Amino acid sequence: MIQTLHPADLSEWTGQPSIMVIPGQDGDATPFALGNRQFDWHQHVRGQLFCIQDGVMQVWTEHASWLLTPGTLGWIPPGMSHRVVARRIRTGWSIYLDPSAAQTLPAKTATFNRNPLIELIVNRLAERDPLAPLTEREAHLTTVLMDELTVSPNNANCLPLPSDHRLKRITDALINQPASKKHVQEWGRWVGLSERSIHRLFYAQTGMRLGQWRQLLRLHLAIERLDQAHAIAAVADHLGYENTSHFIAQFKHYFGVAPGQYQRMSDTLTVNISPSPKLG
């Protein structure tokens, strides 16, 4: 049997086939390395569609931050700079799409709902050599896969960033001071906008209300502080929750585990650093 030697990073492969399905696992001996690790700012020639079976993955781009939870598919378009932190992930998979095959998917990062048909197709394509030419049947399966993705978007875990410079002053302030008790009227006086204008512009640019955005921000920041071994009560206080019980309830509702259980499951991150890109 002839063993195929694959390039170290399939996300940079510019030849055929147009789609590659790569199973992932905890450890370094896989093209899609999981576990507890972080990847500094980088980008791929190919678009990356990926799914984790357990744990949490946090992704940052210039325009948004989002959390990938088990059963949800994440999408990063070709050439988009991003940073990733993986936590407690044992298994998952990644699909690398060349730019032409990625044209039917969003031009920005997105998440999708996984369904049984998508899972079956991915499992079938994962059995093949990723660099082998697609058979007619495999090409048909990829067409069905892309069709399924176009009807199942889900950006519930995304924390979008507004483009308006006045709104960005507000979101930057909240990121630095998540416990702030300022009301919308106070933010409006600070940046020179009416309360009505803030609500209208913020929803138009992010798809959510400022209060919803602040709540999601706190949960994103909670993951970071829990990974730094901060006490749960201290995390709740830092993020501005009324009490620790409220924080624990919201965290468990969103992530499926209590903060204490999450900390007990976490380990030290393995750091994989790539050169930082120039964003802007």
C-alpha atoms as a PDB file:
ATOM      1  CA  MET A   1       0.000   0.000   0.000  1.00  0.00           C
ATOM      2  CA  ILE A   2       1.328   3.472  -0.903  1.00  0.00           C
ATOM      3  CA  GLN A   3       1.113   5.921   2.001  1.00  0.00           C
ATOM      4  CA  THR A   4       0.072   9.458   1.052  1.00  0.00           C
ATOM      5  CA  LEU A   5       2.207  12.179   2.620  1.00  0.00           C
ATOM      6  CA  HIS A   6       0.088  15.205   3.455  1.00  0.00           C
ATOM      7  CA  PRO A   7       1.359  18.776   3.847  1.00  0.00           C
ATOM      8  CA  ALA A   8       1.682  19.938   7.454  1.00  0.00           C
ATOM      9  CA  ASP A   9      -1.105  22.515   7.079  1.00  0.00           C
ATOM     10  CA  LEU A  10      -3.942  21.474   4.793  1.00  0.00           C
ATOM     11  CA  SER A  11      -5.623  24.854   5.295  1.00  0.00           C
ATOM     12  CA  GLU A  12      -2.942  26.311   2.978  1.00  0.00           C
ATOM     13  CA  TRP A  13      -3.359  23.709   0.212  1.00  0.00           C
ATOM     14  CA  THR A  14      -4.110  25.419  -3.106  1.00  0.00           C
ATOM     15  CA  GLY A  15      -4.696  22.344  -5.274  1.00  0.00           C
ATOM     16  CA  GLN A  16      -7.598  19.926  -5.625  1.00  0.00           C
ATOM     17  CA  PRO A  17      -9.884  18.723  -4.179  1.00  0.00           C
ATOM     18  CA  SER A  18     -12.005  21.767  -3.388  1.00  0.00           C
ATOM     19  CA  ILE A  19     -13.122  20.303  -0.043  1.00  0.00           C
ATOM     20  CA  MET A  20     -11.189  18.394   2.639  1.00  0.00           C
ATOM     21  CA  VAL A  21     -12.722  16.869   5.765  1.00  0.00           C
ATOM     22  CA  ILE A  22     -10.268  16.405   8.638  1.00  0.00           C
ATOM     23  CA  PRO A  23     -11.169  14.632  11.921  1.00  0.00           C
ATOM     24  CA  GLY A  24      -9.742  16.394  14.975  1.00  0.00           C
ATOM     25  CA  GLN A  25      -8.660  15.192  18.393  1.00  0.00           C
ATOM     26  CA  ASP A  26      -6.758  16.229  21.504  1.00  0.00           C
ATOM     27  CA  GLY A  27      -3.041  16.171  20.726  1.00  0.00           C
ATOM     28  CA  ASP A  28      -0.477  17.458  18.259  1.00  0.00           C
ATOM     29  CA  ALA A  29      -0.417  14.464  15.866  1.00  0.00           C
ATOM     30  CA  THR A  30      -3.376  15.679  13.796  1.00  0.00           C
ATOM     31  CA  PRO A  31      -3.895  18.459  11.224  1.00  0.00           C
ATOM     32  CA  PHE A  32      -6.806  19.728  13.380  1.00  0.00           C
ATOM     33  CA  ALA A  33      -5.258  19.758  16.864  1.00  0.00           C
ATOM     34  CA  LEU A  34      -7.663  20.210  19.772  1.00  0.00           C
ATOM     35  CA  GLY A  35      -7.444  19.915  23.563  1.00  0.00           C
ATOM     36  CA  ASN A  36      -6.570  23.032  25.569  1.00  0.00           C
ATOM     37  CA  ARG A  37      -4.616  25.415  23.370  1.00  0.00           C
ATOM     38  CA  GLN A  38      -4.622  28.851  21.813  1.00  0.00           C
ATOM     39  CA  PHE A  39      -3.696  30.072  18.357  1.00  0.00           C
ATOM     40  CA  ASP A  40      -2.635  33.695  17.978  1.00  0.00           C
ATOM     41  CA  TRP A  41      -3.771  35.872  15.047  1.00  0.00           C
ATOM     42  CA  HIS A  42      -3.462  34.055  11.725  1.00  0.00           C
ATOM     43  CA  GLN A  43      -5.353  33.378   8.495  1.00  0.00           C
ATOM     44  CA  HIS A  44      -5.860  30.535   5.993  1.00  0.00           C
ATOM     45  CA  VAL A  45      -5.883  30.317   2.220  1.00  0.00           C
ATOM     46  CA  ARG A  46      -8.906  28.024   2.529  1.00  0.00           C
ATOM     47  CA  GLY A  47     -12.118  28.720   4.377  1.00  0.00           C
ATOM     48  CA  GLN A  48     -12.588  26.644   7.527  1.00  0.00           C
ATOM     49  CA  LEU A  49     -15.835  25.082   8.698  1.00  0.00           C
ATOM     50  CA  PHE A  50     -15.465  23.239  11.980  1.00  0.00           C
ATOM     51  CA  CYS A  51     -17.413  21.532  14.745  1.00  0.00           C
ATOM     52  CA  ILE A  52     -16.497  20.398  18.259  1.00  0.00           C
ATOM     53  CA  GLN A  53     -18.103  17.510  20.123  1.00  0.00           C
ATOM     54  CA  ASP A  54     -17.277  18.794  23.615  1.00  0.00           C
ATOM     55  CA  GLY A  55     -15.652  21.755  25.346  1.00  0.00           C
ATOM     56  CA  VAL A  56     -15.776  25.373  24.172  1.00  0.00           C
ATOM     57  CA  MET A  57     -13.950  27.243  21.406  1.00  0.00           C
ATOM     58  CA  GLN A  58     -13.674  31.038  21.391  1.00  0.00           C
ATOM     59  CA  VAL A  59     -12.906  32.869  18.147  1.00  0.00           C
ATOM     60  CA  TRP A  60     -12.019  36.525  17.611  1.00  0.00           C
ATOM     61  CA  THR A  61     -11.990  38.518  14.374  1.00  0.00           C
ATOM     62  CA  GLU A  62     -11.660  42.236  13.746  1.00  0.00           C
ATOM     63  CA  HIS A  63     -15.453  42.571  13.672  1.00  0.00           C
ATOM     64  CA  ALA A  64     -16.731  40.113  16.280  1.00  0.00           C
ATOM     65  CA  SER A  65     -16.095  37.552  18.979  1.00  0.00           C
ATOM     66  CA  TRP A  66     -18.055  34.337  19.257  1.00  0.00           C
ATOM     67  CA  LEU A  67     -18.208  31.103  21.211  1.00  0.00           C
ATOM     68  CA  LEU A  68     -18.528  27.706  19.600  1.00  0.00           C
ATOM     69  CA  THR A  69     -20.297  25.149  21.787  1.00  0.00           C
ATOM     70  CA  PRO A  70     -20.780  21.405  21.108  1.00  0.00           C
ATOM     71  CA  GLY A  71     -23.008  20.646  18.140  1.00  0.00           C
ATOM     72  CA  THR A  72     -22.610  24.090  16.545  1.00  0.00           C
ATOM     73  CA  LEU A  73     -20.623  24.643  13.344  1.00  0.00           C
ATOM     74  CA  GLY A  74     -18.250  27.589  13.047  1.00  0.00           C
ATOM     75  CA  TRP A  75     -17.289  29.256   9.779  1.00  0.00           C
ATOM     76  CA  ILE A  76     -14.198  31.373   8.999  1.00  0.00           C
ATOM     77  CA  PRO A  77     -13.989  32.628   5.380  1.00  0.00           C
ATOM     78  CA  PRO A  78     -10.779  32.333   3.342  1.00  0.00           C
ATOM     79  CA  GLY A  79      -8.156  34.933   4.208  1.00  0.00           C
ATOM     80  CA  MET A  80      -9.922  36.269   7.310  1.00  0.00           C
ATOM     81  CA  SER A  81      -7.596  37.009  10.231  1.00  0.00           C
ATOM     82  CA  HIS A  82      -8.702  35.360  13.477  1.00  0.00           C
ATOM     83  CA  ARG A  83      -7.533  34.224  16.895  1.00  0.00           C
ATOM     84  CA  VAL A  84      -8.720  31.014  18.600  1.00  0.00           C
ATOM     85  CA  VAL A  85      -8.742  29.547  22.097  1.00  0.00           C
ATOM     86  CA  ALA A  86      -9.826  25.894  22.511  1.00  0.00           C
ATOM     87  CA  ARG A  87     -10.822  24.641  25.952  1.00  0.00           C
ATOM     88  CA  ARG A  88     -11.363  21.022  27.018  1.00  0.00           C
ATOM     89  CA  ILE A  89     -12.037  19.779  23.457  1.00  0.00           C
ATOM     90  CA  ARG A  90     -11.377  16.075  22.900  1.00  0.00           C
ATOM     91  CA  THR A  91     -12.924  15.491  19.477  1.00  0.00           C
ATOM     92  CA  GLY A  92     -14.287  17.402  16.511  1.00  0.00           C
ATOM     93  CA  TRP A  93     -13.773  17.912  12.798  1.00  0.00           C
ATOM     94  CA  SER A  94     -12.736  20.584  10.326  1.00  0.00           C
ATOM     95  CA  ILE A  95     -13.595  21.146   6.675  1.00  0.00           C
ATOM     96  CA  TYR A  96     -11.237  23.193   4.494  1.00  0.00           C
ATOM     97  CA  LEU A  97     -12.875  24.783   1.436  1.00  0.00           C
ATOM     98  CA  ASP A  98     -10.991  26.461  -1.383  1.00  0.00           C
ATOM     99  CA  PRO A  99     -12.140  30.032  -2.155  1.00  0.00           C
ATOM    100  CA  SER A 100     -14.319  28.992  -5.099  1.00  0.00           C
ATOM    101  CA  ALA A 101     -16.161  26.350  -3.051  1.00  0.00           C
ATOM    102  CA  ALA A 102     -16.621  28.827  -0.186  1.00  0.00           C
ATOM    103  CA  GLN A 103     -18.528  31.380  -2.261  1.00  0.00           C
ATOM    104  CA  THR A 104     -21.951  30.046  -1.232  1.00  0.00           C
ATOM    105  CA  LEU A 105     -21.173  30.594   2.478  1.00  0.00           C
ATOM    106  CA  PRO A 106     -21.225  33.968   4.298  1.00  0.00           C
ATOM    107  CA  ALA A 107     -18.448  36.488   3.637  1.00  0.00           C
ATOM    108  CA  LYS A 108     -18.138  37.016   7.399  1.00  0.00           C
ATOM    109  CA  THR A 109     -17.674  34.582  10.269  1.00  0.00           C
ATOM    110  CA  ALA A 110     -20.843  32.706  11.182  1.00  0.00           C
ATOM    111  CA  THR A 111     -22.177  29.715  13.067  1.00  0.00           C
ATOM    112  CA  PHE A 112     -24.604  27.069  11.814  1.00  0.00           C
ATOM    113  CA  ASN A 113     -26.881  24.550  13.449  1.00  0.00           C
ATOM    114  CA  ARG A 114     -25.685  20.990  12.957  1.00  0.00           C
ATOM    115  CA  ASN A 115     -28.268  18.431  11.846  1.00  0.00           C
ATOM    116  CA  PRO A 116     -28.134  14.629  11.408  1.00  0.00           C
ATOM    117  CA  LEU A 117     -27.759  14.865   7.618  1.00  0.00           C
ATOM    118  CA  ILE A 118     -24.737  17.174   7.901  1.00  0.00           C
ATOM    119  CA  GLU A 119     -23.200  14.807  10.447  1.00  0.00           C
ATOM    120  CA  LEU A 120     -23.708  11.764   8.201  1.00  0.00           C
ATOM    121  CA  ILE A 121     -22.150  13.499   5.206  1.00  0.00           C
ATOM    122  CA  VAL A 122     -19.161  14.705   7.213  1.00  0.00           C
ATOM    123  CA  ASN A 123     -18.581  11.239   8.686  1.00  0.00           C
ATOM    124  CA  ARG A 124     -18.639   9.740   5.186  1.00  0.00           C
ATOM    125  CA  LEU A 125     -16.230  12.303   3.724  1.00  0.00           C
ATOM    126  CA  ALA A 126     -13.901  11.990   6.714  1.00  0.00           C
ATOM    127  CA  GLU A 127     -13.173   8.385   5.724  1.00  0.00           C
ATOM    128  CA  ARG A 128     -11.439   9.409   2.487  1.00  0.00           C
ATOM    129  CA  ASP A 129      -7.897  10.605   1.857  1.00  0.00           C
ATOM    130  CA  PRO A 130      -8.335  14.404   2.016  1.00  0.00           C
ATOM    131  CA  LEU A 131      -6.060  14.963  -1.018  1.00  0.00           C
ATOM    132  CA  ALA A 132      -7.650  12.321  -3.250  1.00  0.00           C
ATOM    133  CA  PRO A 133      -9.845  13.520  -6.152  1.00  0.00           C
ATOM    134  CA  LEU A 134     -13.553  13.551  -5.378  1.00  0.00           C
ATOM    135  CA  THR A 135     -15.605  10.776  -6.890  1.00  0.00           C
ATOM    136  CA  GLU A 136     -18.912  11.642  -8.540  1.00  0.00           C
ATOM    137  CA  ARG A 137     -20.782  10.429  -5.451  1.00  0.00           C
ATOM    138  CA  GLU A 138     -18.547  12.419  -3.094  1.00  0.00           C
ATOM    139  CA  ALA A 139     -19.006  15.544  -5.218  1.00  0.00           C
ATOM    140  CA  HIS A 140     -22.770  15.060  -4.932  1.00  0.00           C
ATOM    141  CA  LEU A 141     -22.484  14.715  -1.144  1.00  0.00           C
ATOM    142  CA  THR A 142     -20.566  17.992  -0.924  1.00  0.00           C
ATOM    143  CA  THR A 143     -23.307  19.739  -2.921  1.00  0.00           C
ATOM    144  CA  VAL A 144     -25.931  18.469  -0.479  1.00  0.00           C
ATOM    145  CA  LEU A 145     -23.741  19.561   2.443  1.00  0.00           C
ATOM    146  CA  MET A 146     -23.445  23.116   1.126  1.00  0.00           C
ATOM    147  CA  ASP A 147     -27.195  23.261   0.493  1.00  0.00           C
ATOM    148  CA  GLU A 148     -27.876  22.235   4.092  1.00  0.00           C
ATOM    149  CA  LEU A 149     -25.551  24.924   5.419  1.00  0.00           C
ATOM    150  CA  THR A 150     -27.250  27.712   3.496  1.00  0.00           C
ATOM    151  CA  VAL A 151     -30.550  27.087   5.313  1.00  0.00           C
ATOM    152  CA  SER A 152     -29.246  26.655   8.865  1.00  0.00           C
ATOM    153  CA  PRO A 153     -27.469  29.835  10.044  1.00  0.00           C
ATOM    154  CA  ASN A 154     -27.315  30.491  13.781  1.00  0.00           C
ATOM    155  CA  ASN A 155     -25.304  33.384  15.195  1.00  0.00           C
ATOM    156  CA  ALA A 156     -26.642  33.165  18.758  1.00  0.00           C
ATOM    157  CA  ASN A 157     -23.145  32.898  20.260  1.00  0.00           C
ATOM    158  CA  CYS A 158     -21.685  35.753  18.247  1.00  0.00           C
ATOM    159  CA  LEU A 159     -20.725  39.025  19.910  1.00  0.00           C
ATOM    160  CA  PRO A 160     -20.660  41.467  16.975  1.00  0.00           C
ATOM    161  CA  LEU A 161     -18.886  44.813  17.194  1.00  0.00           C
ATOM    162  CA  PRO A 162     -20.557  47.968  15.825  1.00  0.00           C
ATOM    163  CA  SER A 163     -18.801  49.999  13.148  1.00  0.00           C
ATOM    164  CA  ASP A 164     -20.121  53.418  14.227  1.00  0.00           C
ATOM    165  CA  HIS A 165     -17.317  55.156  16.156  1.00  0.00           C
ATOM    166  CA  ARG A 166     -19.704  56.449  18.839  1.00  0.00           C
ATOM    167  CA  LEU A 167     -21.162  53.013  19.500  1.00  0.00           C
ATOM    168  CA  LYS A 168     -17.675  51.541  19.474  1.00  0.00           C
ATOM    169  CA  ARG A 169     -16.717  53.949  22.279  1.00  0.00           C
ATOM    170  CA  ILE A 170     -19.541  52.418  24.317  1.00  0.00           C
ATOM    171  CA  THR A 171     -18.643  48.797  23.589  1.00  0.00           C
ATOM    172  CA  ASP A 172     -14.941  49.454  24.241  1.00  0.00           C
ATOM    173  CA  ALA A 173     -15.846  51.007  27.588  1.00  0.00           C
ATOM    174  CA  LEU A 174     -18.017  48.019  28.522  1.00  0.00           C
ATOM    175  CA  ILE A 175     -15.293  45.562  27.543  1.00  0.00           C
ATOM    176  CA  ASN A 176     -12.905  47.408  29.876  1.00  0.00           C
ATOM    177  CA  GLN A 177     -15.516  47.958  32.597  1.00  0.00           C
ATOM    178  CA  PRO A 178     -18.151  45.201  32.277  1.00  0.00           C
ATOM    179  CA  ALA A 179     -19.614  46.006  35.708  1.00  0.00           C
ATOM    180  CA  SER A 180     -20.573  49.543  34.663  1.00  0.00           C
ATOM    181  CA  LYS A 181     -24.076  50.538  35.792  1.00  0.00           C
ATOM    182  CA  LYS A 182     -24.515  53.333  33.254  1.00  0.00           C
ATOM    183  CA  HIS A 183     -27.935  53.533  31.621  1.00  0.00           C
ATOM    184  CA  VAL A 184     -28.482  54.098  27.933  1.00  0.00           C
ATOM    185  CA  GLN A 185     -29.282  57.769  28.538  1.00  0.00           C
ATOM    186  CA  GLU A 186     -25.909  58.246  30.239  1.00  0.00           C
ATOM    187  CA  TRP A 187     -24.069  56.528  27.399  1.00  0.00           C
ATOM    188  CA  GLY A 188     -25.946  58.775  24.986  1.00  0.00           C
ATOM    189  CA  ARG A 189     -24.862  61.953  26.723  1.00  0.00           C
ATOM    190  CA  TRP A 190     -21.284  60.640  26.771  1.00  0.00           C
ATOM    191  CA  VAL A 191     -21.096  59.980  23.019  1.00  0.00           C
ATOM    192  CA  GLY A 192     -23.576  62.579  21.768  1.00  0.00           C
ATOM    193  CA  LEU A 193     -26.466  60.333  20.764  1.00  0.00           C
ATOM    194  CA  SER A 194     -30.077  60.158  21.887  1.00  0.00           C
ATOM    195  CA  GLU A 195     -31.346  57.007  23.589  1.00  0.00           C
ATOM    196  CA  ARG A 196     -33.521  56.289  20.558  1.00  0.00           C
ATOM    197  CA  SER A 197     -30.557  56.682  18.180  1.00  0.00           C
ATOM    198  CA  ILE A 198     -28.427  54.309  20.253  1.00  0.00           C
ATOM    199  CA  HIS A 199     -31.119  51.631  20.176  1.00  0.00           C
ATOM    200  CA  ARG A 200     -31.725  52.085  16.445  1.00  0.00           C
ATOM    201  CA  LEU A 201     -28.071  52.174  15.381  1.00  0.00           C
ATOM    202  CA  PHE A 202     -26.926  49.419  17.724  1.00  0.00           C
ATOM    203  CA  TYR A 203     -29.607  47.013  16.545  1.00  0.00           C
ATOM    204  CA  ALA A 204     -28.971  47.880  12.891  1.00  0.00           C
ATOM    205  CA  GLN A 205     -25.232  47.193  13.205  1.00  0.00           C
ATOM    206  CA  THR A 206     -25.195  44.215  15.584  1.00  0.00           C
ATOM    207  CA  GLY A 207     -28.635  42.627  15.336  1.00  0.00           C
ATOM    208  CA  MET A 208     -29.213  42.896  19.088  1.00  0.00           C
ATOM    209  CA  ARG A 209     -30.098  45.387  21.785  1.00  0.00           C
ATOM    210  CA  LEU A 210     -27.369  46.954  23.893  1.00  0.00           C
ATOM    211  CA  GLY A 211     -28.632  45.095  26.982  1.00  0.00           C
ATOM    212  CA  GLN A 212     -28.482  41.754  25.170  1.00  0.00           C
ATOM    213  CA  TRP A 213     -24.999  42.565  23.910  1.00  0.00           C
ATOM    214  CA  ARG A 214     -23.807  43.431  27.424  1.00  0.00           C
ATOM    215  CA  GLN A 215     -25.163  40.161  28.818  1.00  0.00           C
ATOM    216  CA  LEU A 216     -23.403  38.137  26.130  1.00  0.00           C
ATOM    217  CA  LEU A 217     -20.197  40.118  26.664  1.00  0.00           C
ATOM    218  CA  ARG A 218     -20.196  39.206  30.351  1.00  0.00           C
ATOM    219  CA  LEU A 219     -20.459  35.509  29.539  1.00  0.00           C
ATOM    220  CA  HIS A 220     -17.604  35.761  27.050  1.00  0.00           C
ATOM    221  CA  LEU A 221     -15.455  37.535  29.641  1.00  0.00           C
ATOM    222  CA  ALA A 222     -16.470  35.022  32.319  1.00  0.00           C
ATOM    223  CA  ILE A 223     -14.810  32.211  30.357  1.00  0.00           C
ATOM    224  CA  GLU A 224     -11.539  34.146  30.245  1.00  0.00           C
ATOM    225  CA  ARG A 225     -11.488  34.927  33.975  1.00  0.00           C
ATOM    226  CA  LEU A 226     -12.476  31.413  35.021  1.00  0.00           C
ATOM    227  CA  ASP A 227      -9.618  30.052  32.919  1.00  0.00           C
ATOM    228  CA  GLN A 228      -7.317  32.386  34.860  1.00  0.00           C
ATOM    229  CA  ALA A 229      -8.442  30.620  38.080  1.00  0.00           C
ATOM    230  CA  HIS A 230     -10.337  33.589  39.536  1.00  0.00           C
ATOM    231  CA  ALA A 231     -12.808  32.703  42.286  1.00  0.00           C
ATOM    232  CA  ILE A 232     -16.409  32.405  41.072  1.00  0.00           C
ATOM    233  CA  ALA A 233     -17.665  35.113  43.439  1.00  0.00           C
ATOM    234  CA  ALA A 234     -14.887  37.438  42.275  1.00  0.00           C
ATOM    235  CA  VAL A 235     -15.800  36.800  38.623  1.00  0.00           C
ATOM    236  CA  ALA A 236     -19.461  37.577  39.314  1.00  0.00           C
ATOM    237  CA  ASP A 237     -18.518  40.799  41.104  1.00  0.00           C
ATOM    238  CA  HIS A 238     -16.057  41.884  38.405  1.00  0.00           C
ATOM    239  CA  LEU A 239     -18.666  41.403  35.689  1.00  0.00           C
ATOM    240  CA  GLY A 240     -21.374  43.316  37.559  1.00  0.00           C
ATOM    241  CA  TYR A 241     -23.819  40.545  38.433  1.00  0.00           C
ATOM    242  CA  GLU A 242     -26.236  41.299  41.276  1.00  0.00           C
ATOM    243  CA  ASN A 243     -25.083  38.205  43.136  1.00  0.00           C
ATOM    244  CA  THR A 244     -23.087  35.018  42.606  1.00  0.00           C
ATOM    245  CA  SER A 245     -26.213  32.867  42.310  1.00  0.00           C
ATOM    246  CA  HIS A 246     -27.451  34.930  39.367  1.00  0.00           C
ATOM    247  CA  PHE A 247     -24.104  34.547  37.622  1.00  0.00           C
ATOM    248  CA  ILE A 248     -24.013  30.781  38.224  1.00  0.00           C
ATOM    249  CA  ALA A 249     -27.557  30.364  36.879  1.00  0.00           C
ATOM    250  CA  GLN A 250     -26.853  32.355  33.708  1.00  0.00           C
ATOM    251  CA  PHE A 251     -23.549  30.603  33.082  1.00  0.00           C
ATOM    252  CA  LYS A 252     -25.105  27.152  33.489  1.00  0.00           C
ATOM    253  CA  HIS A 253     -28.040  28.067  31.258  1.00  0.00           C
ATOM    254  CA  TYR A 254     -25.694  29.224  28.498  1.00  0.00           C
ATOM    255  CA  PHE A 255     -22.897  26.634  28.706  1.00  0.00           C
ATOM    256  CA  GLY A 256     -24.649  23.635  30.253  1.00  0.00           C
ATOM    257  CA  VAL A 257     -22.282  23.400  33.241  1.00  0.00           C
ATOM    258  CA  ALA A 258     -21.848  25.475  36.403  1.00  0.00           C
ATOM    259  CA  PRO A 259     -18.761  27.741  36.642  1.00  0.00           C
ATOM    260  CA  GLY A 260     -17.164  25.526  39.309  1.00  0.00           C
ATOM    261  CA  GLN A 261     -17.599  22.426  37.185  1.00  0.00           C
ATOM    262  CA  TYR A 262     -16.151  24.267  34.207  1.00  0.00           C
ATOM    263  CA  GLN A 263     -13.040  25.234  36.197  1.00  0.00           C
ATOM    264  CA  ARG A 264     -12.510  21.686  37.428  1.00  0.00           C
ATOM    265  CA  MET A 265     -12.587  20.443  33.840  1.00  0.00           C
ATOM    266  CA  SER A 266     -10.076  23.035  32.583  1.00  0.00           C
ATOM    267  CA  ASP A 267      -6.339  22.490  32.247  1.00  0.00           C
ATOM    268  CA  THR A 268      -3.374  24.636  31.268  1.00  0.00           C
ATOM    269  CA  LEU A 269      -3.504  25.838  27.662  1.00  0.00           C
ATOM    270  CA  THR A 270      -0.967  24.677  25.100  1.00  0.00           C
ATOM    271  CA  VAL A 271       0.073  27.830  23.250  1.00  0.00           C
ATOM    272  CA  ASN A 272       0.538  27.845  19.465  1.00  0.00           C
ATOM    273  CA  ILE A 273       1.642  31.296  18.333  1.00  0.00           C
ATOM    274  CA  SER A 274       1.532  32.581  14.756  1.00  0.00           C
ATOM    275  CA  PRO A 275       2.689  36.015  13.570  1.00  0.00           C
ATOM    276  CA  SER A 276       0.134  38.724  14.300  1.00  0.00           C
ATOM    277  CA  PRO A 277      -1.415  40.200  11.152  1.00  0.00           C
ATOM    278  CA  LYS A 278      -1.919  43.902  10.516  1.00  0.00           C
ATOM    279  CA  LEU A 279      -5.643  44.459  10.840  1.00  0.00           C
ATOM    280  CA  GLY A 280      -7.422  47.444   9.464  1.00  0.00           C
END
